[in-house]
């Protein structure tokens, strides 16, 4: 389901997207067949997820602070 404000894709855009998706799927298959490479990728995914969790926690903390009390925001 796409958001209503997303522009419609042209036929060429759809073709490019399909080609890119095909390359991604091929790469995923190659990675999944190489246990060592897959293991390293999974380790990196966990690192990325951990960093994103920290960023989300910080964002939630900032979102709870009223603008007038946020020391880095000027009126």
PDB file of N, CA and C in Angstrom:
ATOM      1  N   UNK A   1       0.850  -1.172   0.000  1.00  0.00           N
ATOM      2  CA  UNK A   1       0.000   0.000   0.000  1.00  0.00           C
ATOM      3  C   UNK A   1       0.897   1.236   0.000  1.00  0.00           C
ATOM      4  N   UNK A   2       0.696   2.160  -0.935  1.00  0.00           N
ATOM      5  CA  UNK A   2       1.507   3.357  -0.995  1.00  0.00           C
ATOM      6  C   UNK A   2       0.725   4.552  -0.468  1.00  0.00           C
ATOM      7  N   UNK A   3       1.448   5.501   0.129  1.00  0.00           N
ATOM      8  CA  UNK A   3       0.781   6.704   0.633  1.00  0.00           C
ATOM      9  C   UNK A   3       0.146   7.481  -0.520  1.00  0.00           C
ATOM     10  N   UNK A   4      -0.890   8.230  -0.213  1.00  0.00           N
ATOM     11  CA  UNK A   4      -1.611   8.959  -1.254  1.00  0.00           C
ATOM     12  C   UNK A   4      -0.798  10.098  -1.836  1.00  0.00           C
ATOM     13  N   UNK A   5       0.205  10.599  -1.114  1.00  0.00           N
ATOM     14  CA  UNK A   5       1.004  11.709  -1.615  1.00  0.00           C
ATOM     15  C   UNK A   5       2.207  11.242  -2.440  1.00  0.00           C
ATOM     16  N   UNK A   6       2.353   9.953  -2.650  1.00  0.00           N
ATOM     17  CA  UNK A   6       3.448   9.426  -3.447  1.00  0.00           C
ATOM     18  C   UNK A   6       3.105   9.568  -4.924  1.00  0.00           C
ATOM     19  N   UNK A   7       4.033  10.155  -5.707  1.00  0.00           N
ATOM     20  CA  UNK A   7       3.735  10.293  -7.128  1.00  0.00           C
ATOM     21  C   UNK A   7       3.648   8.925  -7.805  1.00  0.00           C
ATOM     22  N   UNK A   8       2.829   8.852  -8.846  1.00  0.00           N
ATOM     23  CA  UNK A   8       2.688   7.601  -9.573  1.00  0.00           C
ATOM     24  C   UNK A   8       3.980   7.329 -10.328  1.00  0.00           C
ATOM     25  N   UNK A   9       4.351   6.063 -10.369  1.00  0.00           N
ATOM     26  CA  UNK A   9       5.561   5.674 -11.079  1.00  0.00           C
ATOM     27  C   UNK A   9       5.272   5.509 -12.563  1.00  0.00           C
ATOM     28  N   UNK A  10       6.213   5.958 -13.367  1.00  0.00           N
ATOM     29  CA  UNK A  10       6.091   5.756 -14.807  1.00  0.00           C
ATOM     30  C   UNK A  10       6.443   4.307 -15.111  1.00  0.00           C
ATOM     31  N   UNK A  11       6.163   3.887 -16.319  1.00  0.00           N
ATOM     32  CA  UNK A  11       6.516   2.525 -16.735  1.00  0.00           C
ATOM     33  C   UNK A  11       8.021   2.322 -16.630  1.00  0.00           C
ATOM     34  N   UNK A  12       8.796   3.346 -17.000  1.00  0.00           N
ATOM     35  CA  UNK A  12      10.263   3.237 -16.922  1.00  0.00           C
ATOM     36  C   UNK A  12      10.715   3.134 -15.474  1.00  0.00           C
ATOM     37  N   UNK A  13      10.103   3.919 -14.587  1.00  0.00           N
ATOM     38  CA  UNK A  13      10.440   3.842 -13.161  1.00  0.00           C
ATOM     39  C   UNK A  13      10.162   2.440 -12.622  1.00  0.00           C
ATOM     40  N   UNK A  14       9.018   1.880 -13.011  1.00  0.00           N
ATOM     41  CA  UNK A  14       8.667   0.535 -12.555  1.00  0.00           C
ATOM     42  C   UNK A  14       9.670  -0.494 -13.068  1.00  0.00           C
ATOM     43  N   UNK A  15      10.112  -0.318 -14.309  1.00  0.00           N
ATOM     44  CA  UNK A  15      11.095  -1.247 -14.872  1.00  0.00           C
ATOM     45  C   UNK A  15      12.417  -1.138 -14.114  1.00  0.00           C
ATOM     46  N   UNK A  16      12.887   0.098 -13.859  1.00  0.00           N
ATOM     47  CA  UNK A  16      14.124   0.290 -13.114  1.00  0.00           C
ATOM     48  C   UNK A  16      14.012  -0.294 -11.703  1.00  0.00           C
ATOM     49  N   UNK A  17      12.859  -0.091 -11.082  1.00  0.00           N
ATOM     50  CA  UNK A  17      12.650  -0.627  -9.738  1.00  0.00           C
ATOM     51  C   UNK A  17      12.700  -2.155  -9.757  1.00  0.00           C
ATOM     52  N   UNK A  18      12.054  -2.742 -10.742  1.00  0.00           N
ATOM     53  CA  UNK A  18      12.053  -4.205 -10.859  1.00  0.00           C
ATOM     54  C   UNK A  18      13.461  -4.729 -11.090  1.00  0.00           C
ATOM     55  N   UNK A  19      14.241  -4.028 -11.909  1.00  0.00           N
ATOM     56  CA  UNK A  19      15.621  -4.444 -12.155  1.00  0.00           C
ATOM     57  C   UNK A  19      16.457  -4.338 -10.879  1.00  0.00           C
ATOM     58  N   UNK A  20      16.275  -3.250 -10.147  1.00  0.00           N
ATOM     59  CA  UNK A  20      17.001  -3.080  -8.894  1.00  0.00           C
ATOM     60  C   UNK A  20      16.589  -4.142  -7.882  1.00  0.00           C
ATOM     61  N   UNK A  21      15.292  -4.392  -7.766  1.00  0.00           N
ATOM     62  CA  UNK A  21      14.797  -5.428  -6.856  1.00  0.00           C
ATOM     63  C   UNK A  21      15.374  -6.795  -7.228  1.00  0.00           C
ATOM     64  N   UNK A  22      15.471  -7.072  -8.518  1.00  0.00           N
ATOM     65  CA  UNK A  22      16.034  -8.346  -8.966  1.00  0.00           C
ATOM     66  C   UNK A  22      17.494  -8.464  -8.527  1.00  0.00           C
ATOM     67  N   UNK A  23      18.261  -7.384  -8.666  1.00  0.00           N
ATOM     68  CA  UNK A  23      19.670  -7.407  -8.234  1.00  0.00           C
ATOM     69  C   UNK A  23      19.769  -7.633  -6.726  1.00  0.00           C
ATOM     70  N   UNK A  24      18.897  -6.979  -5.976  1.00  0.00           N
ATOM     71  CA  UNK A  24      18.901  -7.136  -4.516  1.00  0.00           C
ATOM     72  C   UNK A  24      18.595  -8.592  -4.141  1.00  0.00           C
ATOM     73  N   UNK A  25      17.589  -9.167  -4.793  1.00  0.00           N
ATOM     74  CA  UNK A  25      17.224 -10.561  -4.499  1.00  0.00           C
ATOM     75  C   UNK A  25      18.350 -11.528  -4.868  1.00  0.00           C
ATOM     76  N   UNK A  26      19.020 -11.264  -5.968  1.00  0.00           N
ATOM     77  CA  UNK A  26      20.151 -12.109  -6.359  1.00  0.00           C
ATOM     78  C   UNK A  26      21.261 -12.003  -5.319  1.00  0.00           C
ATOM     79  N   UNK A  27      21.568 -10.789  -4.896  1.00  0.00           N
ATOM     80  CA  UNK A  27      22.605 -10.588  -3.876  1.00  0.00           C
ATOM     81  C   UNK A  27      22.231 -11.279  -2.572  1.00  0.00           C
ATOM     82  N   UNK A  28      20.964 -11.182  -2.198  1.00  0.00           N
ATOM     83  CA  UNK A  28      20.507 -11.833  -0.967  1.00  0.00           C
ATOM     84  C   UNK A  28      20.701 -13.343  -1.058  1.00  0.00           C
ATOM     85  N   UNK A  29      20.394 -13.901  -2.211  1.00  0.00           N
ATOM     86  CA  UNK A  29      20.576 -15.337  -2.392  1.00  0.00           C
ATOM     87  C   UNK A  29      22.034 -15.751  -2.279  1.00  0.00           C
ATOM     88  N   UNK A  30      22.915 -14.949  -2.865  1.00  0.00           N
ATOM     89  CA  UNK A  30      24.356 -15.236  -2.789  1.00  0.00           C
ATOM     90  C   UNK A  30      24.825 -15.173  -1.337  1.00  0.00           C
ATOM     91  N   UNK A  31      24.384 -14.163  -0.610  1.00  0.00           N
ATOM     92  CA  UNK A  31      24.776 -14.002   0.796  1.00  0.00           C
ATOM     93  C   UNK A  31      24.243 -15.164   1.627  1.00  0.00           C
ATOM     94  N   UNK A  32      23.005 -15.566   1.396  1.00  0.00           N
ATOM     95  CA  UNK A  32      22.409 -16.653   2.173  1.00  0.00           C
ATOM     96  C   UNK A  32      23.116 -17.983   1.925  1.00  0.00           C
ATOM     97  N   UNK A  33      23.726 -18.145   0.774  1.00  0.00           N
ATOM     98  CA  UNK A  33      24.430 -19.386   0.470  1.00  0.00           C
ATOM     99  C   UNK A  33      25.849 -19.430   1.040  1.00  0.00           C
ATOM    100  N   UNK A  34      26.336 -18.297   1.536  1.00  0.00           N
ATOM    101  CA  UNK A  34      27.690 -18.212   2.091  1.00  0.00           C
ATOM    102  C   UNK A  34      27.558 -18.010   3.599  1.00  0.00           C
ATOM    103  N   UNK A  35      27.750 -19.095   4.357  1.00  0.00           N
ATOM    104  CA  UNK A  35      27.498 -19.038   5.810  1.00  0.00           C
ATOM    105  C   UNK A  35      28.330 -17.977   6.521  1.00  0.00           C
ATOM    106  N   UNK A  36      29.606 -17.865   6.170  1.00  0.00           N
ATOM    107  CA  UNK A  36      30.464 -16.882   6.831  1.00  0.00           C
ATOM    108  C   UNK A  36      29.998 -15.458   6.511  1.00  0.00           C
ATOM    109  N   UNK A  37      29.682 -15.224   5.263  1.00  0.00           N
ATOM    110  CA  UNK A  37      29.216 -13.897   4.853  1.00  0.00           C
ATOM    111  C   UNK A  37      27.877 -13.574   5.511  1.00  0.00           C
ATOM    112  N   UNK A  38      26.995 -14.545   5.569  1.00  0.00           N
ATOM    113  CA  UNK A  38      25.698 -14.353   6.209  1.00  0.00           C
ATOM    114  C   UNK A  38      25.874 -14.034   7.687  1.00  0.00           C
ATOM    115  N   UNK A  39      26.778 -14.749   8.339  1.00  0.00           N
ATOM    116  CA  UNK A  39      27.036 -14.522   9.754  1.00  0.00           C
ATOM    117  C   UNK A  39      27.538 -13.100  10.004  1.00  0.00           C
ATOM    118  N   UNK A  40      28.456 -12.634   9.158  1.00  0.00           N
ATOM    119  CA  UNK A  40      28.964 -11.262   9.299  1.00  0.00           C
ATOM    120  C   UNK A  40      27.858 -10.246   9.047  1.00  0.00           C
ATOM    121  N   UNK A  41      27.017 -10.509   8.075  1.00  0.00           N
ATOM    122  CA  UNK A  41      25.913  -9.592   7.764  1.00  0.00           C
ATOM    123  C   UNK A  41      24.927  -9.515   8.923  1.00  0.00           C
ATOM    124  N   UNK A  42      24.616 -10.661   9.503  1.00  0.00           N
ATOM    125  CA  UNK A  42      23.689 -10.688  10.646  1.00  0.00           C
ATOM    126  C   UNK A  42      24.267  -9.908  11.821  1.00  0.00           C
ATOM    127  N   UNK A  43      25.568 -10.046  12.034  1.00  0.00           N
ATOM    128  CA  UNK A  43      26.220  -9.299  13.116  1.00  0.00           C
ATOM    129  C   UNK A  43      26.078  -7.794  12.871  1.00  0.00           C
ATOM    130  N   UNK A  44      26.261  -7.367  11.636  1.00  0.00           N
ATOM    131  CA  UNK A  44      26.115  -5.948  11.304  1.00  0.00           C
ATOM    132  C   UNK A  44      24.673  -5.481  11.436  1.00  0.00           C
ATOM    133  N   UNK A  45      23.739  -6.320  11.067  1.00  0.00           N
ATOM    134  CA  UNK A  45      22.316  -5.975  11.227  1.00  0.00           C
ATOM    135  C   UNK A  45      22.014  -5.734  12.700  1.00  0.00           C
ATOM    136  N   UNK A  46      22.561  -6.567  13.566  1.00  0.00           N
ATOM    137  CA  UNK A  46      22.344  -6.387  15.005  1.00  0.00           C
ATOM    138  C   UNK A  46      22.957  -5.080  15.487  1.00  0.00           C
ATOM    139  N   UNK A  47      24.150  -4.729  14.976  1.00  0.00           N
ATOM    140  CA  UNK A  47      24.784  -3.454  15.344  1.00  0.00           C
ATOM    141  C   UNK A  47      23.936  -2.278  14.878  1.00  0.00           C
ATOM    142  N   UNK A  48      23.445  -2.362  13.654  1.00  0.00           N
ATOM    143  CA  UNK A  48      22.605  -1.295  13.112  1.00  0.00           C
ATOM    144  C   UNK A  48      21.321  -1.171  13.929  1.00  0.00           C
ATOM    145  N   UNK A  49      20.700  -2.291  14.250  1.00  0.00           N
ATOM    146  CA  UNK A  49      19.465  -2.276  15.031  1.00  0.00           C
ATOM    147  C   UNK A  49      19.700  -1.646  16.401  1.00  0.00           C
ATOM    148  N   UNK A  50      20.824  -1.982  17.020  1.00  0.00           N
ATOM    149  CA  UNK A  50      21.149  -1.420  18.327  1.00  0.00           C
ATOM    150  C   UNK A  50      21.307   0.100  18.244  1.00  0.00           C
ATOM    151  N   UNK A  51      22.000   0.566  17.213  1.00  0.00           N
ATOM    152  CA  UNK A  51      22.191   1.999  17.038  1.00  0.00           C
ATOM    153  C   UNK A  51      20.859   2.697  16.782  1.00  0.00           C
ATOM    154  N   UNK A  52      20.020   2.093  15.962  1.00  0.00           N
ATOM    155  CA  UNK A  52      18.717   2.691  15.664  1.00  0.00           C
ATOM    156  C   UNK A  52      17.844   2.746  16.920  1.00  0.00           C
ATOM    157  N   UNK A  53      17.951   1.741  17.783  1.00  0.00           N
ATOM    158  CA  UNK A  53      17.192   1.742  19.033  1.00  0.00           C
ATOM    159  C   UNK A  53      17.636   2.905  19.920  1.00  0.00           C
ATOM    160  N   UNK A  54      18.964   3.150  19.958  1.00  0.00           N
ATOM    161  CA  UNK A  54      19.479   4.272  20.745  1.00  0.00           C
ATOM    162  C   UNK A  54      18.973   5.597  20.176  1.00  0.00           C
ATOM    163  N   UNK A  55      18.970   5.714  18.854  1.00  0.00           N
ATOM    164  CA  UNK A  55      18.486   6.930  18.214  1.00  0.00           C
ATOM    165  C   UNK A  55      16.999   7.138  18.482  1.00  0.00           C
ATOM    166  N   UNK A  56      16.235   6.064  18.432  1.00  0.00           N
ATOM    167  CA  UNK A  56      14.800   6.161  18.694  1.00  0.00           C
ATOM    168  C   UNK A  56      14.549   6.573  20.141  1.00  0.00           C
ATOM    169  N   UNK A  57      15.313   6.021  21.050  1.00  0.00           N
ATOM    170  CA  UNK A  57      15.164   6.368  22.468  1.00  0.00           C
ATOM    171  C   UNK A  57      15.473   7.852  22.678  1.00  0.00           C
ATOM    172  N   UNK A  58      16.532   8.335  22.037  1.00  0.00           N
ATOM    173  CA  UNK A  58      16.887   9.751  22.151  1.00  0.00           C
ATOM    174  C   UNK A  58      15.798  10.626  21.533  1.00  0.00           C
ATOM    175  N   UNK A  59      15.257  10.208  20.404  1.00  0.00           N
ATOM    176  CA  UNK A  59      14.206  10.979  19.741  1.00  0.00           C
ATOM    177  C   UNK A  59      12.966  11.064  20.619  1.00  0.00           C
ATOM    178  N   UNK A  60      12.602   9.956  21.250  1.00  0.00           N
ATOM    179  CA  UNK A  60      11.436   9.955  22.133  1.00  0.00           C
ATOM    180  C   UNK A  60      11.663  10.870  23.329  1.00  0.00           C
ATOM    181  N   UNK A  61      12.889  10.868  23.830  1.00  0.00           N
ATOM    182  CA  UNK A  61      13.219  11.718  24.969  1.00  0.00           C
ATOM    183  C   UNK A  61      13.089  13.190  24.571  1.00  0.00           C
ATOM    184  N   UNK A  62      13.614  13.547  23.414  1.00  0.00           N
ATOM    185  CA  UNK A  62      13.537  14.933  22.939  1.00  0.00           C
ATOM    186  C   UNK A  62      12.091  15.321  22.663  1.00  0.00           C
ATOM    187  N   UNK A  63      11.323  14.410  22.125  1.00  0.00           N
ATOM    188  CA  UNK A  63       9.928  14.705  21.782  1.00  0.00           C
ATOM    189  C   UNK A  63       9.094  15.013  23.017  1.00  0.00           C
ATOM    190  N   UNK A  64       9.494  14.503  24.160  1.00  0.00           N
ATOM    191  CA  UNK A  64       8.748  14.733  25.396  1.00  0.00           C
ATOM    192  C   UNK A  64       9.094  16.070  26.039  1.00  0.00           C
ATOM    193  N   UNK A  65      10.202  16.681  25.638  1.00  0.00           N
ATOM    194  CA  UNK A  65      10.640  17.942  26.235  1.00  0.00           C
ATOM    195  C   UNK A  65       9.955  19.094  25.521  1.00  0.00           C
ATOM    196  N   UNK A  66       9.254  19.958  26.260  1.00  0.00           N
ATOM    197  CA  UNK A  66       8.641  21.124  25.628  1.00  0.00           C
ATOM    198  C   UNK A  66       9.721  21.992  24.984  1.00  0.00           C
ATOM    199  N   UNK A  67       9.405  22.635  23.876  1.00  0.00           N
ATOM    200  CA  UNK A  67      10.395  23.420  23.142  1.00  0.00           C
ATOM    201  C   UNK A  67      11.051  24.487  24.019  1.00  0.00           C
ATOM    202  N   UNK A  68      10.312  25.107  24.912  1.00  0.00           N
ATOM    203  CA  UNK A  68      10.868  26.151  25.749  1.00  0.00           C
ATOM    204  C   UNK A  68      11.891  25.616  26.747  1.00  0.00           C
ATOM    205  N   UNK A  69      11.837  24.324  27.041  1.00  0.00           N
ATOM    206  CA  UNK A  69      12.779  23.737  28.000  1.00  0.00           C
ATOM    207  C   UNK A  69      13.922  23.009  27.319  1.00  0.00           C
ATOM    208  N   UNK A  70      13.891  22.895  25.997  1.00  0.00           N
ATOM    209  CA  UNK A  70      14.959  22.219  25.268  1.00  0.00           C
ATOM    210  C   UNK A  70      16.125  23.194  25.156  1.00  0.00           C
ATOM    211  N   UNK A  71      17.272  22.901  25.809  1.00  0.00           N
ATOM    212  CA  UNK A  71      18.382  23.843  25.854  1.00  0.00           C
ATOM    213  C   UNK A  71      18.999  24.141  24.483  1.00  0.00           C
ATOM    214  N   UNK A  72      18.823  23.273  23.521  1.00  0.00           N
ATOM    215  CA  UNK A  72      19.437  23.483  22.216  1.00  0.00           C
ATOM    216  C   UNK A  72      18.517  24.226  21.250  1.00  0.00           C
ATOM    217  N   UNK A  73      17.331  24.571  21.701  1.00  0.00           N
ATOM    218  CA  UNK A  73      16.362  25.255  20.837  1.00  0.00           C
ATOM    219  C   UNK A  73      16.221  26.689  21.301  1.00  0.00           C
ATOM    220  N   UNK A  74      16.313  27.620  20.349  1.00  0.00           N
ATOM    221  CA  UNK A  74      16.137  29.035  20.677  1.00  0.00           C
ATOM    222  C   UNK A  74      14.762  29.473  20.226  1.00  0.00           C
ATOM    223  N   UNK A  75      14.194  30.407  20.974  1.00  0.00           N
ATOM    224  CA  UNK A  75      12.882  30.957  20.610  1.00  0.00           C
ATOM    225  C   UNK A  75      13.025  31.966  19.511  1.00  0.00           C
TER     226      UNK A  75
END
